[in-house]
Each structure stands twice: as structure tokens, then as C-alpha cells.
Amino acid sequence: MITPKWSAPGQDAAHSDVSENCDPPILSLRLQPHRSLTKGNFRLLLMIFSGASFFTSLPFIMLGAWPVAGFMGLDVAAFYFAFRANFRAARAYEDVLLTPFELRFAKVSAKGARAEWRFNPAWVRLDREEHEEFGTQRLAFVSRGRSVEVGPFLGPAEKAKLAVSLSRALAEARRGPRFS
């Protein structure tokens, strides 16, 4: 199950300009893909997998079929590189910052490339694609013909929960700033 991770403003460089801005944030969150395997647990899993591969290949080596051990070593290498790519992809995240005057949405790739969109909350709408059987399939901010997908890595239940939060926050932003 994939769940979003929420963070407070000011924890990252993406939110550092919030303190300079006089608009208080209505909603500030960071979405990250969920990874259930920690690096420590991965090391343990890799050691178990390597040990099982080694002990499984021993009888083949003793019988003279030593190329089997090489192929089992390739399996271990493929296992390692697949998980390494998975951990690298987990560095990607999305930031959403909503104030009464601006909606700022940023996508940061696993390599650190940042793409940022700014919308006027009065003119942006949240587009939600629902599937009868599977739930919320897609969320996107739409404004002036531009569309940006939000949280493509989230599951349908998490997208539905995020859609409710974003809809409430956008409705509050459209009411305008509170001066009292």
C-alpha cells in the first residue's frame, strides 16, 4: 500500500521562501513513493539470497557443472541492481504549497531535476478520473488548458484521500485570505 508522506513547511529548500512570503500556507505537503524495504533490511535480504544461491550452486560445482554457479551469480547481481534502481527511484518527490494567492506544485525527479508550476487558486481545478471498479485513477491540476498530474505513484485510496484534502484546501483558498 502506498501512502503519502506529509512534511511541514520550512523543512526543505522548496519551502524556504515561505517564510519570506507574507501569505500563510493553507496546505503544504510532500508526496513521496512509499518503500517498505529499508536499506538495512535490503542488506539482510541480499545476504540471505546470496547465501541461498551459493549453497544451491555447490552441488553443481561438485558435479562439474560449474557454469551454473556463474549464472546463479548473475541472478544475485541482477537482484542487487534491481533494488538499487528501486532505491534510486525512491528519491523522487512532489511538493504542493497552497496559499490564498498561489498554488505552487513542484516535481523533483530521482536525479534531482526540478520542474515547478504556479497556478492562481481561483482558476485552478482538480481533475479527478474515477474508475467504477478500481477507484481514483488520476488526479491533475488543470488551469488555462494546462494539466499537471499529481501523485501518479499513489494508489487509488491514497489518491482519493489526497483529492479530498486538495479540494477542501482549494475551496478555502478561493474564499480569500483571512485578516482577522
Protein backbone atom coordinates (compact mmCIF):
# COMPACT_ATOMS: atom_id res chain seq x y z
CA MET A 1 0.00 0.00 0.00
CA ILE A 2 1.40 3.39 -0.97
CA THR A 3 0.87 6.33 1.34
CA PRO A 4 1.89 9.97 1.05
CA LYS A 5 4.38 11.42 3.48
CA TRP A 6 3.49 14.84 4.84
CA SER A 7 6.02 17.43 5.86
CA ALA A 8 5.82 20.82 7.47
CA PRO A 9 6.92 23.94 5.58
CA GLY A 10 10.48 25.05 6.11
CA GLN A 11 11.93 21.52 6.16
CA ASP A 12 13.29 21.75 2.64
CA ALA A 13 14.73 24.33 0.27
CA ALA A 14 11.47 24.13 -1.69
CA HIS A 15 9.66 25.65 1.28
CA SER A 16 12.36 28.10 2.38
CA ASP A 17 10.77 31.04 0.58
CA VAL A 18 7.52 30.55 2.52
CA SER A 19 8.91 32.46 5.46
CA GLU A 20 9.84 35.35 3.15
CA ASN A 21 6.33 35.41 1.71
CA CYS A 22 3.67 37.07 3.86
CA ASP A 23 0.94 34.65 2.70
CA PRO A 24 0.36 31.93 5.30
CA PRO A 25 0.16 28.47 3.71
CA ILE A 26 -3.23 26.81 3.68
CA LEU A 27 -1.77 23.48 2.67
CA SER A 28 1.82 22.34 2.45
CA LEU A 29 2.67 18.73 1.79
CA ARG A 30 5.29 16.47 0.29
CA LEU A 31 4.31 13.32 -1.55
CA GLN A 32 6.84 10.52 -1.82
CA PRO A 33 6.56 6.97 -3.13
CA HIS A 34 6.32 4.52 -0.27
CA ARG A 35 9.11 1.96 0.05
CA SER A 36 8.53 -0.82 2.55
CA LEU A 37 12.09 -2.19 2.47
CA THR A 38 14.74 -0.21 4.33
CA LYS A 39 18.39 -0.30 3.29
CA GLY A 40 19.31 -2.39 6.33
CA ASN A 41 16.59 -4.91 5.55
CA PHE A 42 17.76 -4.96 1.94
CA ARG A 43 21.29 -5.88 3.03
CA LEU A 44 19.88 -8.73 5.09
CA LEU A 45 17.72 -9.90 2.19
CA LEU A 46 20.70 -9.71 -0.18
CA MET A 47 22.86 -11.75 2.19
CA ILE A 48 20.15 -14.42 2.52
CA PHE A 49 19.63 -14.51 -1.25
CA SER A 50 23.40 -14.69 -1.88
CA GLY A 51 23.84 -17.45 0.68
CA ALA A 52 20.96 -19.46 -0.77
CA SER A 53 22.40 -19.02 -4.26
CA PHE A 54 25.87 -20.09 -3.08
CA PHE A 55 24.66 -23.20 -1.26
CA THR A 56 22.38 -24.15 -4.16
CA SER A 57 25.26 -23.87 -6.63
CA LEU A 58 27.68 -26.00 -4.52
CA PRO A 59 26.31 -29.38 -5.70
CA PHE A 60 26.56 -28.26 -9.33
CA ILE A 61 30.19 -27.19 -8.83
CA MET A 62 30.99 -30.58 -7.24
CA LEU A 63 29.40 -32.41 -10.18
CA GLY A 64 31.47 -30.40 -12.63
CA ALA A 65 28.68 -28.16 -13.88
CA TRP A 66 30.47 -25.01 -12.72
CA PRO A 67 28.78 -22.65 -15.27
CA VAL A 68 25.60 -22.99 -13.20
CA ALA A 69 27.35 -21.12 -10.36
CA GLY A 70 28.14 -18.26 -12.75
CA PHE A 71 24.51 -17.97 -13.79
CA MET A 72 23.39 -18.01 -10.17
CA GLY A 73 25.89 -15.23 -9.52
CA LEU A 74 24.29 -13.29 -12.37
CA ASP A 75 20.93 -13.74 -10.61
CA VAL A 76 22.38 -12.20 -7.45
CA ALA A 77 23.85 -9.31 -9.46
CA ALA A 78 20.51 -8.70 -11.22
CA PHE A 79 18.74 -8.79 -7.85
CA TYR A 80 21.18 -6.23 -6.42
CA PHE A 81 20.96 -3.82 -9.37
CA ALA A 82 17.14 -4.03 -9.50
CA PHE A 83 16.85 -3.00 -5.85
CA ARG A 84 19.49 -0.32 -6.27
CA ALA A 85 17.43 1.20 -9.10
CA ASN A 86 14.35 0.96 -6.88
CA PHE A 87 16.07 2.86 -4.04
CA ARG A 88 17.29 5.48 -6.52
CA ALA A 89 13.75 5.98 -7.83
CA ALA A 90 12.51 6.46 -4.26
CA ARG A 91 14.35 9.79 -4.06
CA ALA A 92 11.68 11.41 -6.26
CA TYR A 93 9.01 13.52 -4.57
CA GLU A 94 6.36 16.17 -5.20
CA ASP A 95 5.73 19.35 -3.20
CA VAL A 96 2.39 21.15 -3.02
CA LEU A 97 2.18 24.59 -1.42
CA LEU A 98 -1.14 26.42 -1.40
CA THR A 99 -1.63 29.97 -0.16
CA PRO A 100 -4.69 32.19 -0.72
CA PHE A 101 -2.94 33.76 -3.73
CA GLU A 102 -0.87 30.95 -5.26
CA LEU A 103 -0.71 27.21 -5.77
CA ARG A 104 2.86 26.05 -6.23
CA PHE A 105 3.43 22.49 -7.42
CA ALA A 106 6.92 21.03 -7.89
CA LYS A 107 8.07 17.63 -9.10
CA VAL A 108 11.60 16.57 -8.24
CA SER A 109 12.94 13.56 -10.10
CA ALA A 110 15.20 10.92 -8.59
CA LYS A 111 18.15 12.64 -10.28
CA GLY A 112 17.26 15.96 -8.63
CA ALA A 113 15.79 17.71 -11.68
CA ARG A 114 13.06 20.09 -10.52
CA ALA A 115 10.03 21.19 -12.50
CA GLU A 116 7.72 23.78 -10.95
CA TRP A 117 4.25 25.04 -11.85
CA ARG A 118 2.45 28.05 -10.37
CA PHE A 119 -1.29 28.48 -10.53
CA ASN A 120 -3.82 31.00 -9.30
CA PRO A 121 -6.05 29.02 -6.90
CA ALA A 122 -9.12 30.91 -8.11
CA TRP A 123 -8.64 29.50 -11.62
CA VAL A 124 -7.27 26.03 -10.99
CA ARG A 125 -9.47 22.98 -10.70
CA LEU A 126 -8.69 19.48 -9.56
CA ASP A 127 -9.43 16.98 -12.32
CA ARG A 128 -10.24 13.53 -10.99
CA GLU A 129 -10.61 10.40 -13.12
CA GLU A 130 -12.63 7.70 -11.42
CA HIS A 131 -12.99 4.08 -12.40
CA GLU A 132 -16.12 2.32 -11.26
CA GLU A 133 -14.28 -0.76 -10.03
CA PHE A 134 -10.79 0.49 -9.16
CA GLY A 135 -11.42 3.95 -7.66
CA THR A 136 -9.47 7.14 -8.33
CA GLN A 137 -7.08 6.56 -11.22
CA ARG A 138 -5.72 10.05 -11.89
CA LEU A 139 -5.52 13.45 -10.22
CA ALA A 140 -4.40 16.57 -12.04
CA PHE A 141 -4.33 20.33 -11.59
CA VAL A 142 -5.95 21.98 -14.63
CA SER A 143 -5.76 25.69 -15.44
CA ARG A 144 -5.95 27.55 -18.76
CA GLY A 145 -5.61 24.36 -20.78
CA ARG A 146 -2.56 23.16 -18.87
CA SER A 147 -2.76 19.93 -16.94
CA VAL A 148 -0.24 18.53 -14.44
CA GLU A 149 -0.72 15.11 -12.87
CA VAL A 150 -0.42 14.92 -9.07
CA GLY A 151 0.84 11.81 -7.25
CA PRO A 152 0.93 9.28 -10.10
CA PHE A 153 2.74 6.85 -7.76
CA LEU A 154 -0.10 6.80 -5.20
CA GLY A 155 -2.69 4.06 -5.03
CA PRO A 156 -6.41 4.70 -5.67
CA ALA A 157 -7.30 5.03 -1.95
CA GLU A 158 -4.47 7.48 -1.31
CA LYS A 159 -5.40 9.49 -4.42
CA ALA A 160 -8.99 9.71 -3.18
CA LYS A 161 -7.82 10.91 0.25
CA LEU A 162 -5.47 13.43 -1.38
CA ALA A 163 -8.27 14.66 -3.66
CA VAL A 164 -10.47 15.40 -0.64
CA SER A 165 -7.66 17.33 1.09
CA LEU A 166 -6.78 19.29 -2.05
CA SER A 167 -10.44 20.09 -2.81
CA ARG A 168 -11.00 21.45 0.71
CA ALA A 169 -7.81 23.49 0.59
CA LEU A 170 -8.62 24.92 -2.85
CA ALA A 171 -12.13 25.86 -1.65
CA GLU A 172 -10.60 27.65 1.34
CA ALA A 173 -8.10 29.45 -0.91
CA ARG A 174 -10.91 30.63 -3.20
CA ARG A 175 -12.61 32.25 -0.20
CA GLY A 176 -9.60 34.54 0.05
CA PRO A 177 -7.24 35.50 2.82
CA ARG A 178 -8.41 35.90 6.40
CA PHE A 179 -7.35 39.15 8.00
CA SER A 180 -8.77 38.64 11.48
